[in-house]
Amino acid sequence: MKNSLKGALLSGLVLPGLGQVFFRLYLRGIALMLVICASLSVMAALILAKALPILEKIEAAGGEIDIKMINTAVNQAATNSDSLLFNGLLLLVLICWVLAVVDAYRIGRKMDLSGN
């Protein structure tokens, strides 16, 4: 398998930045990994912060699952200003992921052409 394909698959399917680490560009790879992991962690915290009040409302209602109540609670939670932060982080993750794949492919392609 060519280096360009290995790097792109590692960064695209396993973890963004892993292709760079594979090519021994440790600082670049770790930076990409940290940005992705930090962004996903903040996104998970935002999701949990929105989900917990909904679960508390379900418990307060006796544990019955009322679809209309859940739908109303979800719609109210989705209108908060956290949505802008969440969408910005999602965009950051997507951009970093694509850049990691393209960069790993480009580095691998250079290695393939040089014969390494």
N, C-alpha and C. Protein backbone atom coordinates (compact mmCIF):
# COMPACT_ATOMS: atom_id res chain seq x y z
N MET A 1 0.84 -1.16 0.00
CA MET A 1 0.00 0.00 0.00
C MET A 1 0.89 1.24 0.00
N LYS A 2 0.50 2.24 -0.78
CA LYS A 2 1.29 3.45 -0.87
C LYS A 2 1.21 4.26 0.41
N ASN A 3 2.29 5.01 0.67
CA ASN A 3 2.34 5.85 1.86
C ASN A 3 1.22 6.87 1.88
N SER A 4 0.89 7.43 0.72
CA SER A 4 -0.16 8.45 0.66
C SER A 4 -1.49 7.88 1.12
N LEU A 5 -1.79 6.67 0.72
CA LEU A 5 -3.05 6.04 1.11
C LEU A 5 -3.04 5.66 2.59
N LYS A 6 -1.91 5.15 3.07
CA LYS A 6 -1.81 4.80 4.49
C LYS A 6 -2.04 6.02 5.37
N GLY A 7 -1.37 7.11 5.06
CA GLY A 7 -1.51 8.32 5.86
C GLY A 7 -2.92 8.89 5.84
N ALA A 8 -3.51 8.90 4.64
CA ALA A 8 -4.87 9.43 4.52
C ALA A 8 -5.87 8.55 5.27
N LEU A 9 -5.71 7.24 5.20
CA LEU A 9 -6.63 6.35 5.90
C LEU A 9 -6.47 6.45 7.41
N LEU A 10 -5.23 6.56 7.89
CA LEU A 10 -5.02 6.70 9.33
C LEU A 10 -5.65 7.99 9.85
N SER A 11 -5.48 9.09 9.11
CA SER A 11 -6.04 10.36 9.56
C SER A 11 -7.54 10.44 9.33
N GLY A 12 -8.03 9.76 8.32
CA GLY A 12 -9.45 9.86 7.99
C GLY A 12 -10.32 8.88 8.73
N LEU A 13 -9.84 7.67 8.95
CA LEU A 13 -10.69 6.64 9.53
C LEU A 13 -10.39 6.33 10.99
N VAL A 14 -9.17 6.58 11.44
CA VAL A 14 -8.81 6.24 12.82
C VAL A 14 -8.87 7.49 13.69
N LEU A 15 -7.96 8.42 13.47
CA LEU A 15 -7.92 9.66 14.26
C LEU A 15 -7.16 10.71 13.46
N PRO A 16 -7.75 11.89 13.29
CA PRO A 16 -7.02 12.95 12.60
C PRO A 16 -5.71 13.26 13.31
N GLY A 17 -4.65 13.31 12.55
CA GLY A 17 -3.32 13.54 13.11
C GLY A 17 -2.49 12.27 13.18
N LEU A 18 -3.14 11.12 13.15
CA LEU A 18 -2.41 9.87 13.23
C LEU A 18 -1.56 9.63 11.98
N GLY A 19 -2.03 10.10 10.85
CA GLY A 19 -1.23 10.00 9.63
C GLY A 19 0.05 10.80 9.73
N GLN A 20 -0.04 11.98 10.35
CA GLN A 20 1.15 12.81 10.53
C GLN A 20 2.12 12.14 11.50
N VAL A 21 1.61 11.54 12.56
CA VAL A 21 2.47 10.83 13.50
C VAL A 21 3.13 9.64 12.80
N PHE A 22 2.40 8.96 11.93
CA PHE A 22 2.94 7.84 11.16
C PHE A 22 4.13 8.29 10.32
N PHE A 23 4.06 9.52 9.81
CA PHE A 23 5.15 10.06 8.99
C PHE A 23 6.19 10.80 9.83
N ARG A 24 6.14 10.63 11.14
CA ARG A 24 7.09 11.19 12.10
C ARG A 24 7.05 12.72 12.18
N LEU A 25 5.90 13.30 11.89
CA LEU A 25 5.68 14.73 12.10
C LEU A 25 4.87 14.85 13.38
N TYR A 26 5.55 14.59 14.50
CA TYR A 26 4.88 14.42 15.78
C TYR A 26 4.16 15.68 16.25
N LEU A 27 4.79 16.82 16.14
CA LEU A 27 4.19 18.06 16.63
C LEU A 27 2.90 18.37 15.88
N ARG A 28 2.93 18.24 14.57
CA ARG A 28 1.75 18.52 13.75
C ARG A 28 0.64 17.52 14.07
N GLY A 29 0.99 16.25 14.19
CA GLY A 29 0.00 15.22 14.47
C GLY A 29 -0.62 15.38 15.85
N ILE A 30 0.21 15.65 16.85
CA ILE A 30 -0.31 15.81 18.21
C ILE A 30 -1.17 17.07 18.31
N ALA A 31 -0.79 18.13 17.61
CA ALA A 31 -1.60 19.35 17.62
C ALA A 31 -2.99 19.08 17.05
N LEU A 32 -3.05 18.35 15.94
CA LEU A 32 -4.35 18.01 15.35
C LEU A 32 -5.17 17.14 16.29
N MET A 33 -4.52 16.17 16.91
CA MET A 33 -5.23 15.29 17.84
C MET A 33 -5.79 16.07 19.03
N LEU A 34 -4.99 16.98 19.56
CA LEU A 34 -5.43 17.77 20.71
C LEU A 34 -6.61 18.67 20.36
N VAL A 35 -6.56 19.31 19.20
CA VAL A 35 -7.67 20.16 18.78
C VAL A 35 -8.95 19.34 18.64
N ILE A 36 -8.84 18.19 18.00
CA ILE A 36 -10.01 17.33 17.79
C ILE A 36 -10.55 16.83 19.13
N CYS A 37 -9.68 16.31 19.98
CA CYS A 37 -10.12 15.75 21.26
C CYS A 37 -10.71 16.83 22.17
N ALA A 38 -10.09 18.00 22.22
CA ALA A 38 -10.61 19.08 23.05
C ALA A 38 -11.98 19.54 22.54
N SER A 39 -12.11 19.69 21.24
CA SER A 39 -13.39 20.11 20.66
C SER A 39 -14.48 19.09 20.94
N LEU A 40 -14.17 17.81 20.75
CA LEU A 40 -15.17 16.78 21.00
C LEU A 40 -15.54 16.69 22.47
N SER A 41 -14.58 16.95 23.35
CA SER A 41 -14.86 16.94 24.79
C SER A 41 -15.81 18.06 25.18
N VAL A 42 -15.57 19.25 24.65
CA VAL A 42 -16.45 20.38 24.95
C VAL A 42 -17.85 20.13 24.36
N MET A 43 -17.90 19.56 23.16
CA MET A 43 -19.19 19.24 22.56
C MET A 43 -19.95 18.22 23.40
N ALA A 44 -19.26 17.21 23.91
CA ALA A 44 -19.91 16.21 24.76
C ALA A 44 -20.43 16.84 26.04
N ALA A 45 -19.66 17.77 26.61
CA ALA A 45 -20.10 18.45 27.83
C ALA A 45 -21.35 19.29 27.55
N LEU A 46 -21.39 19.96 26.40
CA LEU A 46 -22.58 20.73 26.04
C LEU A 46 -23.79 19.84 25.85
N ILE A 47 -23.60 18.70 25.23
CA ILE A 47 -24.71 17.77 25.02
C ILE A 47 -25.22 17.25 26.36
N LEU A 48 -24.32 16.88 27.24
CA LEU A 48 -24.74 16.39 28.57
C LEU A 48 -25.47 17.47 29.36
N ALA A 49 -24.99 18.71 29.25
CA ALA A 49 -25.63 19.80 29.97
C ALA A 49 -27.07 20.02 29.48
N LYS A 50 -27.32 19.73 28.21
CA LYS A 50 -28.68 19.86 27.68
C LYS A 50 -29.52 18.63 27.97
N ALA A 51 -28.89 17.47 28.04
CA ALA A 51 -29.65 16.22 28.22
C ALA A 51 -30.08 16.00 29.66
N LEU A 52 -29.26 16.41 30.61
CA LEU A 52 -29.59 16.16 32.02
C LEU A 52 -30.88 16.83 32.47
N PRO A 53 -31.14 18.10 32.12
CA PRO A 53 -32.44 18.68 32.51
C PRO A 53 -33.64 17.95 31.90
N ILE A 54 -33.46 17.45 30.70
CA ILE A 54 -34.55 16.69 30.06
C ILE A 54 -34.81 15.41 30.82
N LEU A 55 -33.74 14.74 31.22
CA LEU A 55 -33.90 13.52 32.01
C LEU A 55 -34.53 13.81 33.37
N GLU A 56 -34.17 14.94 33.97
CA GLU A 56 -34.77 15.32 35.25
C GLU A 56 -36.26 15.59 35.10
N LYS A 57 -36.67 16.19 33.99
CA LYS A 57 -38.10 16.43 33.74
C LYS A 57 -38.85 15.11 33.58
N ILE A 58 -38.21 14.14 32.95
CA ILE A 58 -38.84 12.83 32.79
C ILE A 58 -39.01 12.17 34.15
N GLU A 59 -37.98 12.25 34.99
CA GLU A 59 -38.06 11.67 36.33
C GLU A 59 -39.11 12.38 37.18
N ALA A 60 -39.20 13.70 37.04
CA ALA A 60 -40.18 14.46 37.82
C ALA A 60 -41.61 14.12 37.41
N ALA A 61 -41.78 13.69 36.18
CA ALA A 61 -43.11 13.33 35.69
C ALA A 61 -43.44 11.88 36.03
N GLY A 62 -42.68 11.26 36.89
CA GLY A 62 -42.97 9.89 37.30
C GLY A 62 -42.29 8.85 36.44
N GLY A 63 -41.37 9.25 35.61
CA GLY A 63 -40.65 8.30 34.78
C GLY A 63 -41.36 7.91 33.50
N GLU A 64 -42.55 8.49 33.29
CA GLU A 64 -43.26 8.19 32.04
C GLU A 64 -42.61 8.94 30.89
N ILE A 65 -42.53 8.26 29.80
CA ILE A 65 -41.93 8.87 28.61
C ILE A 65 -43.06 9.42 27.75
N ASP A 66 -43.15 10.75 27.75
CA ASP A 66 -44.13 11.44 26.94
C ASP A 66 -43.39 12.11 25.78
N ILE A 67 -43.65 11.65 24.60
CA ILE A 67 -42.91 12.13 23.42
C ILE A 67 -43.10 13.64 23.25
N LYS A 68 -44.30 14.14 23.48
CA LYS A 68 -44.54 15.58 23.31
C LYS A 68 -43.72 16.39 24.31
N MET A 69 -43.63 15.92 25.56
CA MET A 69 -42.85 16.62 26.56
C MET A 69 -41.36 16.61 26.20
N ILE A 70 -40.87 15.48 25.74
CA ILE A 70 -39.47 15.37 25.35
C ILE A 70 -39.20 16.28 24.15
N ASN A 71 -40.09 16.29 23.19
CA ASN A 71 -39.92 17.13 22.00
C ASN A 71 -39.89 18.60 22.39
N THR A 72 -40.76 19.01 23.29
CA THR A 72 -40.79 20.40 23.75
C THR A 72 -39.51 20.76 24.48
N ALA A 73 -39.06 19.87 25.36
CA ALA A 73 -37.82 20.13 26.11
C ALA A 73 -36.61 20.21 25.19
N VAL A 74 -36.56 19.36 24.20
CA VAL A 74 -35.43 19.36 23.25
C VAL A 74 -35.44 20.64 22.43
N ASN A 75 -36.61 21.05 21.99
CA ASN A 75 -36.71 22.29 21.20
C ASN A 75 -36.33 23.51 22.03
N GLN A 76 -36.71 23.54 23.31
CA GLN A 76 -36.32 24.66 24.18
C GLN A 76 -34.82 24.66 24.41
N ALA A 77 -34.23 23.51 24.58
CA ALA A 77 -32.79 23.41 24.82
C ALA A 77 -32.00 23.79 23.57
N ALA A 78 -32.56 23.53 22.41
CA ALA A 78 -31.84 23.80 21.16
C ALA A 78 -31.81 25.28 20.81
N THR A 79 -32.63 26.08 21.46
CA THR A 79 -32.66 27.51 21.13
C THR A 79 -31.68 28.32 21.96
N ASN A 80 -30.93 27.71 22.84
CA ASN A 80 -29.97 28.43 23.68
C ASN A 80 -28.78 28.92 22.86
N SER A 81 -28.00 29.84 23.43
CA SER A 81 -26.83 30.39 22.74
C SER A 81 -25.70 29.37 22.64
N ASP A 82 -25.81 28.24 23.39
CA ASP A 82 -24.79 27.20 23.29
C ASP A 82 -24.76 26.57 21.90
N SER A 83 -25.84 26.70 21.17
CA SER A 83 -25.90 26.11 19.83
C SER A 83 -24.85 26.73 18.92
N LEU A 84 -24.61 28.01 19.08
CA LEU A 84 -23.59 28.67 18.26
C LEU A 84 -22.21 28.12 18.57
N LEU A 85 -21.92 27.94 19.86
CA LEU A 85 -20.64 27.35 20.25
C LEU A 85 -20.52 25.92 19.73
N PHE A 86 -21.59 25.14 19.89
CA PHE A 86 -21.59 23.76 19.41
C PHE A 86 -21.34 23.71 17.90
N ASN A 87 -22.05 24.54 17.15
CA ASN A 87 -21.88 24.55 15.69
C ASN A 87 -20.48 25.00 15.29
N GLY A 88 -19.92 25.96 16.01
CA GLY A 88 -18.55 26.40 15.73
C GLY A 88 -17.54 25.29 15.98
N LEU A 89 -17.73 24.58 17.09
CA LEU A 89 -16.83 23.46 17.40
C LEU A 89 -16.97 22.33 16.37
N LEU A 90 -18.20 22.07 15.97
CA LEU A 90 -18.42 21.04 14.94
C LEU A 90 -17.73 21.42 13.64
N LEU A 91 -17.83 22.68 13.27
CA LEU A 91 -17.15 23.15 12.06
C LEU A 91 -15.64 23.03 12.20
N LEU A 92 -15.11 23.37 13.38
CA LEU A 92 -13.68 23.23 13.63
C LEU A 92 -13.22 21.78 13.50
N VAL A 93 -14.00 20.86 14.05
CA VAL A 93 -13.67 19.44 13.96
C VAL A 93 -13.66 18.99 12.50
N LEU A 94 -14.68 19.36 11.76
CA LEU A 94 -14.75 18.95 10.35
C LEU A 94 -13.60 19.52 9.53
N ILE A 95 -13.28 20.80 9.74
CA ILE A 95 -12.18 21.41 9.00
C ILE A 95 -10.86 20.74 9.36
N CYS A 96 -10.61 20.52 10.64
CA CYS A 96 -9.36 19.86 11.06
C CYS A 96 -9.27 18.45 10.51
N TRP A 97 -10.40 17.74 10.49
CA TRP A 97 -10.40 16.37 9.98
C TRP A 97 -10.03 16.35 8.49
N VAL A 98 -10.66 17.22 7.72
CA VAL A 98 -10.37 17.26 6.28
C VAL A 98 -8.91 17.69 6.06
N LEU A 99 -8.47 18.71 6.79
CA LEU A 99 -7.08 19.15 6.64
C LEU A 99 -6.09 18.05 7.01
N ALA A 100 -6.40 17.28 8.04
CA ALA A 100 -5.51 16.19 8.45
C ALA A 100 -5.40 15.14 7.36
N VAL A 101 -6.52 14.79 6.74
CA VAL A 101 -6.51 13.79 5.68
C VAL A 101 -5.74 14.30 4.47
N VAL A 102 -6.02 15.52 4.05
CA VAL A 102 -5.35 16.10 2.88
C VAL A 102 -3.85 16.25 3.15
N ASP A 103 -3.50 16.72 4.34
CA ASP A 103 -2.08 16.90 4.67
C ASP A 103 -1.36 15.56 4.72
N ALA A 104 -1.97 14.55 5.34
CA ALA A 104 -1.33 13.23 5.40
C ALA A 104 -1.16 12.64 3.99
N TYR A 105 -2.16 12.84 3.16
CA TYR A 105 -2.06 12.34 1.78
C TYR A 105 -0.93 13.06 1.04
N ARG A 106 -0.85 14.38 1.23
CA ARG A 106 0.18 15.18 0.56
C ARG A 106 1.58 14.76 1.02
N ILE A 107 1.74 14.56 2.31
CA ILE A 107 3.05 14.13 2.83
C ILE A 107 3.40 12.75 2.29
N GLY A 108 2.44 11.84 2.32
CA GLY A 108 2.67 10.49 1.80
C GLY A 108 2.98 10.49 0.32
N ARG A 109 2.32 11.37 -0.41
CA ARG A 109 2.55 11.46 -1.85
C ARG A 109 3.99 11.91 -2.14
N LYS A 110 4.48 12.87 -1.35
CA LYS A 110 5.86 13.31 -1.51
C LYS A 110 6.83 12.16 -1.24
N MET A 111 6.51 11.37 -0.22
CA MET A 111 7.36 10.23 0.12
C MET A 111 7.30 9.16 -0.99
N ASP A 112 6.13 8.95 -1.54
CA ASP A 112 5.98 7.97 -2.64
C ASP A 112 6.80 8.40 -3.84
N LEU A 113 6.76 9.69 -4.18
CA LEU A 113 7.48 10.18 -5.35
C LEU A 113 8.99 10.18 -5.14
N SER A 114 9.42 10.36 -3.88
CA SER A 114 10.86 10.36 -3.62
C SER A 114 11.42 8.97 -3.45
N GLY A 115 10.55 7.97 -3.35
CA GLY A 115 10.99 6.59 -3.26
C GLY A 115 11.18 6.07 -1.85
N ASN A 116 10.75 6.78 -0.84
CA ASN A 116 10.89 6.34 0.57
C ASN A 116 9.76 5.43 0.96
